[in-house]
Amino acid sequence: MKLILFFFSSLLLLVSCGETDEKFKTVNPNSEYFYPIDTVPKIYLYRDIAHGLEEEFHRIYAISDFAGEHIVVERYASDSRILDAINYNIDSLTVFDQMVVDRFKKKEKARIYKNKLFPMDLKKESWFAVKFNGVVDSTKILRELKRNFKKRQSINVMEEEESEALVFEDLVRQTVLNPNTKKEQAYEAKQLTYFAKDYGLVEWHSLNKKVHYRLERILTQEEFVKIIAQ
């Protein structure tokens, strides 16, 4: 836990010393429905309202480095374990990099086949596909998400204010590949995701709502560090 706190404290100093008023530019016409572009990290706390206790944290910040200008979205489980981190190009909001972490806390750079996770054109399907190592023997996992625009609607964000949102229907497919036996086993499900203006992702749920995550709070870096230190 001390190592985690040291990591976050160091990163806080590194990111917070940047220019928070830097003018990043994007050509994606739907960017106002994506996360706000800011070098100061914000942590979105989502709760599974179908079960109450399950939480998920997304740590979001913009950065300019040797790879260019990009937005980093890190996902953490309720026990503060990092699950993955996705880097979006700010100019187009396409994905150029993803780091995944398995249950043994081993980090791996995923191989990206399709890089469209947030749509540029609402009339076209967005397709995101990555492959990485499985946790059993030499298996590989191919994870895909095909996203189609469904509608616009007004949505209540954090029980405070109404905001216009883009609603998408996603087909999520995960295929376990065994290169030795040449066998494949696929699982797929559909979900709805909601991206609200000036917020980004605020809600997602399965079609039967047995899994239903909703944005509950937006935390500062300091508040997040206190939570994971408990």
C-alpha atoms as a PDB file:
ATOM      1  CA  MET A   1       0.000   0.000   0.000  1.00  0.00           C
ATOM      2  CA  LYS A   2       2.922   2.351   0.737  1.00  0.00           C
ATOM      3  CA  LEU A   3       4.202   1.794  -2.805  1.00  0.00           C
ATOM      4  CA  ILE A   4       0.775   2.675  -4.212  1.00  0.00           C
ATOM      5  CA  LEU A   5       0.618   5.855  -2.148  1.00  0.00           C
ATOM      6  CA  PHE A   6       4.145   6.804  -3.209  1.00  0.00           C
ATOM      7  CA  PHE A   7       3.204   6.249  -6.851  1.00  0.00           C
ATOM      8  CA  PHE A   8       0.130   8.463  -6.622  1.00  0.00           C
ATOM      9  CA  SER A   9       1.881  11.179  -4.618  1.00  0.00           C
ATOM     10  CA  SER A  10       4.707  11.346  -7.143  1.00  0.00           C
ATOM     11  CA  LEU A  11       2.333  11.340 -10.097  1.00  0.00           C
ATOM     12  CA  LEU A  12       0.226  14.049  -8.490  1.00  0.00           C
ATOM     13  CA  LEU A  13       3.254  16.332  -8.304  1.00  0.00           C
ATOM     14  CA  LEU A  14       4.274  15.468 -11.852  1.00  0.00           C
ATOM     15  CA  VAL A  15       0.875  16.117 -13.424  1.00  0.00           C
ATOM     16  CA  SER A  16      -0.259  19.022 -11.270  1.00  0.00           C
ATOM     17  CA  CYS A  17       2.804  21.065 -12.166  1.00  0.00           C
ATOM     18  CA  GLY A  18       1.710  21.111 -15.810  1.00  0.00           C
ATOM     19  CA  GLU A  19      -0.118  23.920 -17.527  1.00  0.00           C
ATOM     20  CA  THR A  20      -3.752  23.395 -16.619  1.00  0.00           C
ATOM     21  CA  ASP A  21      -4.819  26.124 -19.037  1.00  0.00           C
ATOM     22  CA  GLU A  22      -3.016  24.554 -21.999  1.00  0.00           C
ATOM     23  CA  LYS A  23      -5.271  24.623 -25.059  1.00  0.00           C
ATOM     24  CA  PHE A  24      -5.521  21.097 -26.404  1.00  0.00           C
ATOM     25  CA  LYS A  25      -7.271  20.817 -29.754  1.00  0.00           C
ATOM     26  CA  THR A  26      -9.457  18.025 -31.096  1.00  0.00           C
ATOM     27  CA  VAL A  27     -11.192  17.610 -34.434  1.00  0.00           C
ATOM     28  CA  ASN A  28     -13.672  15.023 -33.155  1.00  0.00           C
ATOM     29  CA  PRO A  29     -17.119  16.679 -33.537  1.00  0.00           C
ATOM     30  CA  ASN A  30     -18.439  14.749 -30.509  1.00  0.00           C
ATOM     31  CA  SER A  31     -15.647  15.788 -28.149  1.00  0.00           C
ATOM     32  CA  GLU A  32     -17.977  17.786 -25.860  1.00  0.00           C
ATOM     33  CA  TYR A  33     -19.486  14.431 -24.824  1.00  0.00           C
ATOM     34  CA  PHE A  34     -16.070  13.002 -23.964  1.00  0.00           C
ATOM     35  CA  TYR A  35     -14.180  13.602 -20.730  1.00  0.00           C
ATOM     36  CA  PRO A  36     -13.071  17.221 -20.168  1.00  0.00           C
ATOM     37  CA  ILE A  37      -9.497  17.762 -21.332  1.00  0.00           C
ATOM     38  CA  ASP A  38      -7.498  18.820 -18.265  1.00  0.00           C
ATOM     39  CA  THR A  39      -3.982  18.061 -17.040  1.00  0.00           C
ATOM     40  CA  VAL A  40      -5.259  17.964 -13.450  1.00  0.00           C
ATOM     41  CA  PRO A  41      -6.407  14.385 -12.726  1.00  0.00           C
ATOM     42  CA  LYS A  42     -10.052  13.766 -11.928  1.00  0.00           C
ATOM     43  CA  ILE A  43     -11.310  10.468 -10.561  1.00  0.00           C
ATOM     44  CA  TYR A  44     -14.805   9.321 -11.504  1.00  0.00           C
ATOM     45  CA  LEU A  45     -16.409   7.042  -8.926  1.00  0.00           C
ATOM     46  CA  TYR A  46     -19.007   4.720 -10.456  1.00  0.00           C
ATOM     47  CA  ARG A  47     -21.298   2.511  -8.365  1.00  0.00           C
ATOM     48  CA  ASP A  48     -23.125  -0.611  -9.466  1.00  0.00           C
ATOM     49  CA  ILE A  49     -26.589   0.473  -8.378  1.00  0.00           C
ATOM     50  CA  ALA A  50     -27.921  -3.020  -9.114  1.00  0.00           C
ATOM     51  CA  HIS A  51     -25.897  -4.415  -6.200  1.00  0.00           C
ATOM     52  CA  GLY A  52     -24.899  -1.333  -4.198  1.00  0.00           C
ATOM     53  CA  LEU A  53     -21.438  -2.211  -2.930  1.00  0.00           C
ATOM     54  CA  GLU A  54     -19.435  -2.681  -6.127  1.00  0.00           C
ATOM     55  CA  GLU A  55     -17.488   0.385  -7.266  1.00  0.00           C
ATOM     56  CA  GLU A  56     -15.193   1.252 -10.144  1.00  0.00           C
ATOM     57  CA  PHE A  57     -12.856   4.239 -10.408  1.00  0.00           C
ATOM     58  CA  HIS A  58     -11.700   5.926 -13.623  1.00  0.00           C
ATOM     59  CA  ARG A  59      -8.707   8.250 -13.252  1.00  0.00           C
ATOM     60  CA  ILE A  60      -8.632  10.734 -16.142  1.00  0.00           C
ATOM     61  CA  TYR A  61      -6.048  13.318 -17.154  1.00  0.00           C
ATOM     62  CA  ALA A  62      -4.552  14.903 -20.259  1.00  0.00           C
ATOM     63  CA  ILE A  63      -0.831  14.912 -20.914  1.00  0.00           C
ATOM     64  CA  SER A  64       1.593  16.066 -23.579  1.00  0.00           C
ATOM     65  CA  ASP A  65       4.752  13.978 -23.935  1.00  0.00           C
ATOM     66  CA  PHE A  66       6.949  12.200 -26.504  1.00  0.00           C
ATOM     67  CA  ALA A  67       3.856  10.337 -27.778  1.00  0.00           C
ATOM     68  CA  GLY A  68       1.981  13.585 -28.423  1.00  0.00           C
ATOM     69  CA  GLU A  69      -1.138  14.987 -26.782  1.00  0.00           C
ATOM     70  CA  HIS A  70      -3.372  12.359 -25.284  1.00  0.00           C
ATOM     71  CA  ILE A  71      -5.948  11.600 -22.608  1.00  0.00           C
ATOM     72  CA  VAL A  72      -5.242   8.748 -20.209  1.00  0.00           C
ATOM     73  CA  VAL A  73      -8.153   6.818 -18.683  1.00  0.00           C
ATOM     74  CA  GLU A  74      -7.058   4.399 -15.954  1.00  0.00           C
ATOM     75  CA  ARG A  75      -9.607   1.928 -14.525  1.00  0.00           C
ATOM     76  CA  TYR A  76      -9.431   0.706 -10.926  1.00  0.00           C
ATOM     77  CA  ALA A  77     -11.470  -1.955  -9.144  1.00  0.00           C
ATOM     78  CA  SER A  78     -13.180  -1.274  -5.817  1.00  0.00           C
ATOM     79  CA  ASP A  79     -10.140  -2.711  -3.978  1.00  0.00           C
ATOM     80  CA  SER A  80      -7.916  -0.115  -5.764  1.00  0.00           C
ATOM     81  CA  ARG A  81      -6.330  -2.660  -8.147  1.00  0.00           C
ATOM     82  CA  ILE A  82      -5.570  -1.123 -11.524  1.00  0.00           C
ATOM     83  CA  LEU A  83      -7.375  -3.014 -14.291  1.00  0.00           C
ATOM     84  CA  ASP A  84      -6.163  -1.258 -17.422  1.00  0.00           C
ATOM     85  CA  ALA A  85      -5.210   2.099 -18.887  1.00  0.00           C
ATOM     86  CA  ILE A  86      -6.261   3.452 -22.281  1.00  0.00           C
ATOM     87  CA  ASN A  87      -4.564   6.311 -24.124  1.00  0.00           C
ATOM     88  CA  TYR A  88      -6.711   8.372 -26.488  1.00  0.00           C
ATOM     89  CA  ASN A  89      -5.244  10.703 -29.094  1.00  0.00           C
ATOM     90  CA  ILE A  90      -6.659  14.138 -28.293  1.00  0.00           C
ATOM     91  CA  ASP A  91      -6.938  15.197 -31.937  1.00  0.00           C
ATOM     92  CA  SER A  92      -9.270  12.359 -32.977  1.00  0.00           C
ATOM     93  CA  LEU A  93     -10.068  10.526 -29.690  1.00  0.00           C
ATOM     94  CA  THR A  94      -8.941   7.259 -31.283  1.00  0.00           C
ATOM     95  CA  VAL A  95      -6.996   4.799 -29.104  1.00  0.00           C
ATOM     96  CA  PHE A  96      -3.269   4.455 -29.696  1.00  0.00           C
ATOM     97  CA  ASP A  97      -2.257   2.426 -26.643  1.00  0.00           C
ATOM     98  CA  GLN A  98      -3.711   0.169 -23.951  1.00  0.00           C
ATOM     99  CA  MET A  99      -2.074  -1.399 -20.914  1.00  0.00           C
ATOM    100  CA  VAL A 100      -3.865  -4.338 -19.282  1.00  0.00           C
ATOM    101  CA  VAL A 101      -3.224  -5.870 -15.862  1.00  0.00           C
ATOM    102  CA  ASP A 102      -4.110  -9.478 -15.061  1.00  0.00           C
ATOM    103  CA  ARG A 103      -5.189 -10.906 -11.704  1.00  0.00           C
ATOM    104  CA  PHE A 104      -1.535 -11.579 -10.864  1.00  0.00           C
ATOM    105  CA  LYS A 105      -0.850  -7.820 -11.255  1.00  0.00           C
ATOM    106  CA  LYS A 106       1.268  -8.424 -14.336  1.00  0.00           C
ATOM    107  CA  LYS A 107       1.183  -5.500 -16.761  1.00  0.00           C
ATOM    108  CA  GLU A 108       1.113  -5.977 -20.510  1.00  0.00           C
ATOM    109  CA  LYS A 109       0.806  -3.759 -23.548  1.00  0.00           C
ATOM    110  CA  ALA A 110      -2.147  -4.974 -25.592  1.00  0.00           C
ATOM    111  CA  ARG A 111      -1.931  -5.336 -29.351  1.00  0.00           C
ATOM    112  CA  ILE A 112      -4.465  -3.017 -30.981  1.00  0.00           C
ATOM    113  CA  TYR A 113      -6.237  -4.173 -34.150  1.00  0.00           C
ATOM    114  CA  LYS A 114      -9.104  -1.648 -34.275  1.00  0.00           C
ATOM    115  CA  ASN A 115      -8.709   1.730 -32.559  1.00  0.00           C
ATOM    116  CA  LYS A 116     -12.140   3.373 -32.604  1.00  0.00           C
ATOM    117  CA  LEU A 117     -13.736   3.289 -29.152  1.00  0.00           C
ATOM    118  CA  PHE A 118     -15.309   6.758 -29.050  1.00  0.00           C
ATOM    119  CA  PRO A 119     -17.084   7.660 -32.322  1.00  0.00           C
ATOM    120  CA  MET A 120     -15.996  10.318 -34.757  1.00  0.00           C
ATOM    121  CA  ASP A 121     -19.105   9.854 -36.925  1.00  0.00           C
ATOM    122  CA  LEU A 122     -22.385   8.948 -35.206  1.00  0.00           C
ATOM    123  CA  LYS A 123     -23.672   7.376 -38.420  1.00  0.00           C
ATOM    124  CA  LYS A 124     -20.896   4.796 -38.467  1.00  0.00           C
ATOM    125  CA  GLU A 125     -20.107   1.868 -36.174  1.00  0.00           C
ATOM    126  CA  SER A 126     -17.056   2.251 -33.944  1.00  0.00           C
ATOM    127  CA  TRP A 127     -14.935  -0.882 -33.610  1.00  0.00           C
ATOM    128  CA  PHE A 128     -12.332  -1.439 -30.919  1.00  0.00           C
ATOM    129  CA  ALA A 129     -10.335  -4.697 -30.808  1.00  0.00           C
ATOM    130  CA  VAL A 130      -7.269  -5.658 -28.755  1.00  0.00           C
ATOM    131  CA  LYS A 131      -5.438  -8.920 -28.022  1.00  0.00           C
ATOM    132  CA  PHE A 132      -3.365  -9.823 -24.968  1.00  0.00           C
ATOM    133  CA  ASN A 133      -2.182 -12.859 -23.025  1.00  0.00           C
ATOM    134  CA  GLY A 134      -4.641 -14.923 -21.019  1.00  0.00           C
ATOM    135  CA  VAL A 135      -3.965 -16.182 -17.508  1.00  0.00           C
ATOM    136  CA  VAL A 136      -4.084 -19.876 -18.418  1.00  0.00           C
ATOM    137  CA  ASP A 137      -1.088 -21.487 -20.162  1.00  0.00           C
ATOM    138  CA  SER A 138      -0.450 -19.874 -23.563  1.00  0.00           C
ATOM    139  CA  THR A 139      -3.988 -18.686 -24.239  1.00  0.00           C
ATOM    140  CA  LYS A 140      -4.702 -15.334 -25.849  1.00  0.00           C
ATOM    141  CA  ILE A 141      -7.728 -13.095 -25.332  1.00  0.00           C
ATOM    142  CA  LEU A 142      -9.277 -11.061 -28.128  1.00  0.00           C
ATOM    143  CA  ARG A 143     -11.537  -8.353 -26.704  1.00  0.00           C
ATOM    144  CA  GLU A 144     -13.837  -6.424 -29.050  1.00  0.00           C
ATOM    145  CA  LEU A 145     -16.380  -3.670 -28.641  1.00  0.00           C
ATOM    146  CA  LYS A 146     -18.623  -2.573 -31.494  1.00  0.00           C
ATOM    147  CA  ARG A 147     -20.478   0.645 -30.661  1.00  0.00           C
ATOM    148  CA  ASN A 148     -23.472   2.127 -32.482  1.00  0.00           C
ATOM    149  CA  PHE A 149     -25.250   5.397 -31.783  1.00  0.00           C
ATOM    150  CA  LYS A 150     -28.782   4.858 -30.541  1.00  0.00           C
ATOM    151  CA  LYS A 151     -30.236   8.245 -29.518  1.00  0.00           C
ATOM    152  CA  ARG A 152     -29.798  11.543 -27.693  1.00  0.00           C
ATOM    153  CA  GLN A 153     -31.547  12.038 -24.395  1.00  0.00           C
ATOM    154  CA  SER A 154     -31.525  14.196 -21.287  1.00  0.00           C
ATOM    155  CA  ILE A 155     -29.921  12.467 -18.315  1.00  0.00           C
ATOM    156  CA  ASN A 156     -29.552  13.293 -14.640  1.00  0.00           C
ATOM    157  CA  VAL A 157     -25.868  13.426 -13.647  1.00  0.00           C
ATOM    158  CA  MET A 158     -24.955  12.687 -10.012  1.00  0.00           C
ATOM    159  CA  GLU A 159     -28.520  13.610  -9.013  1.00  0.00           C
ATOM    160  CA  GLU A 160     -27.607  17.273  -9.439  1.00  0.00           C
ATOM    161  CA  GLU A 161     -28.355  18.514 -12.941  1.00  0.00           C
ATOM    162  CA  GLU A 162     -29.726  17.473 -16.291  1.00  0.00           C
ATOM    163  CA  SER A 163     -27.333  17.102 -19.187  1.00  0.00           C
ATOM    164  CA  GLU A 164     -27.749  16.018 -22.794  1.00  0.00           C
ATOM    165  CA  ALA A 165     -26.257  12.599 -23.433  1.00  0.00           C
ATOM    166  CA  LEU A 166     -25.349  10.383 -26.372  1.00  0.00           C
ATOM    167  CA  VAL A 167     -26.627   6.846 -25.872  1.00  0.00           C
ATOM    168  CA  PHE A 168     -24.835   3.938 -27.556  1.00  0.00           C
ATOM    169  CA  GLU A 169     -25.579   0.249 -27.870  1.00  0.00           C
ATOM    170  CA  ASP A 170     -22.413  -1.811 -27.508  1.00  0.00           C
ATOM    171  CA  LEU A 171     -21.742  -5.384 -28.517  1.00  0.00           C
ATOM    172  CA  VAL A 172     -18.967  -6.646 -26.251  1.00  0.00           C
ATOM    173  CA  ARG A 173     -17.275  -9.851 -27.337  1.00  0.00           C
ATOM    174  CA  GLN A 174     -14.393 -11.699 -25.679  1.00  0.00           C
ATOM    175  CA  THR A 175     -12.762 -14.672 -27.377  1.00  0.00           C
ATOM    176  CA  VAL A 176     -10.325 -17.015 -25.630  1.00  0.00           C
ATOM    177  CA  LEU A 177      -7.857 -18.388 -28.162  1.00  0.00           C
ATOM    178  CA  ASN A 178      -5.694 -21.462 -27.590  1.00  0.00           C
ATOM    179  CA  PRO A 179      -2.899 -21.511 -30.200  1.00  0.00           C
ATOM    180  CA  ASN A 180      -1.891 -25.063 -29.251  1.00  0.00           C
ATOM    181  CA  THR A 181      -5.280 -26.746 -29.668  1.00  0.00           C
ATOM    182  CA  LYS A 182      -6.553 -24.197 -32.227  1.00  0.00           C
ATOM    183  CA  LYS A 183      -9.766 -23.945 -30.193  1.00  0.00           C
ATOM    184  CA  GLU A 184     -11.729 -20.767 -29.548  1.00  0.00           C
ATOM    185  CA  GLN A 185     -14.370 -19.948 -26.951  1.00  0.00           C
ATOM    186  CA  ALA A 186     -16.339 -16.742 -27.301  1.00  0.00           C
ATOM    187  CA  TYR A 187     -18.593 -14.819 -24.938  1.00  0.00           C
ATOM    188  CA  GLU A 188     -20.652 -11.810 -25.910  1.00  0.00           C
ATOM    189  CA  ALA A 189     -23.164  -9.428 -24.394  1.00  0.00           C
ATOM    190  CA  LYS A 190     -24.874  -6.153 -25.188  1.00  0.00           C
ATOM    191  CA  GLN A 191     -24.893  -3.023 -23.068  1.00  0.00           C
ATOM    192  CA  LEU A 192     -25.961   0.612 -23.244  1.00  0.00           C
ATOM    193  CA  THR A 193     -23.458   3.371 -22.505  1.00  0.00           C
ATOM    194  CA  TYR A 194     -24.204   7.045 -21.825  1.00  0.00           C
ATOM    195  CA  PHE A 195     -21.790   9.912 -22.526  1.00  0.00           C
ATOM    196  CA  ALA A 196     -23.044  13.235 -21.112  1.00  0.00           C
ATOM    197  CA  LYS A 197     -22.031  16.658 -22.364  1.00  0.00           C
ATOM    198  CA  ASP A 198     -19.129  18.138 -20.328  1.00  0.00           C
ATOM    199  CA  TYR A 199     -18.730  14.906 -18.332  1.00  0.00           C
ATOM    200  CA  GLY A 200     -17.933  11.950 -20.573  1.00  0.00           C
ATOM    201  CA  LEU A 201     -18.994   8.455 -19.542  1.00  0.00           C
ATOM    202  CA  VAL A 202     -21.647   8.734 -16.819  1.00  0.00           C
ATOM    203  CA  GLU A 203     -23.484   5.400 -16.979  1.00  0.00           C
ATOM    204  CA  TRP A 204     -23.479   1.909 -18.489  1.00  0.00           C
ATOM    205  CA  HIS A 205     -25.621  -1.164 -17.982  1.00  0.00           C
ATOM    206  CA  SER A 206     -26.494  -4.549 -19.432  1.00  0.00           C
ATOM    207  CA  LEU A 207     -29.791  -4.723 -21.289  1.00  0.00           C
ATOM    208  CA  ASN A 208     -31.469  -6.471 -18.342  1.00  0.00           C
ATOM    209  CA  LYS A 209     -29.763  -4.037 -15.893  1.00  0.00           C
ATOM    210  CA  LYS A 210     -28.391  -6.838 -13.745  1.00  0.00           C
ATOM    211  CA  VAL A 211     -25.149  -4.878 -14.048  1.00  0.00           C
ATOM    212  CA  HIS A 212     -25.724  -1.134 -13.868  1.00  0.00           C
ATOM    213  CA  TYR A 213     -22.948   1.365 -13.120  1.00  0.00           C
ATOM    214  CA  ARG A 214     -23.658   5.063 -12.673  1.00  0.00           C
ATOM    215  CA  LEU A 215     -21.399   8.038 -11.916  1.00  0.00           C
ATOM    216  CA  GLU A 216     -21.772   8.897  -8.234  1.00  0.00           C
ATOM    217  CA  ARG A 217     -18.963  11.378  -7.464  1.00  0.00           C
ATOM    218  CA  ILE A 218     -15.999  13.119  -9.080  1.00  0.00           C
ATOM    219  CA  LEU A 219     -12.996  12.998  -6.746  1.00  0.00           C
ATOM    220  CA  THR A 220      -9.760  14.926  -6.557  1.00  0.00           C
ATOM    221  CA  GLN A 221      -6.426  13.124  -6.547  1.00  0.00           C
ATOM    222  CA  GLU A 222      -6.081  13.738  -2.804  1.00  0.00           C
ATOM    223  CA  GLU A 223      -9.513  12.271  -2.062  1.00  0.00           C
ATOM    224  CA  PHE A 224      -8.727   9.181  -4.142  1.00  0.00           C
ATOM    225  CA  VAL A 225      -5.436   8.608  -2.322  1.00  0.00           C
ATOM    226  CA  LYS A 226      -7.252   8.737   1.013  1.00  0.00           C
ATOM    227  CA  ILE A 227      -9.819   6.195  -0.188  1.00  0.00           C
ATOM    228  CA  ILE A 228      -7.279   3.624  -1.393  1.00  0.00           C
ATOM    229  CA  ALA A 229      -5.212   4.091   1.770  1.00  0.00           C
ATOM    230  CA  GLN A 230      -8.071   2.834   3.934  1.00  0.00           C
END
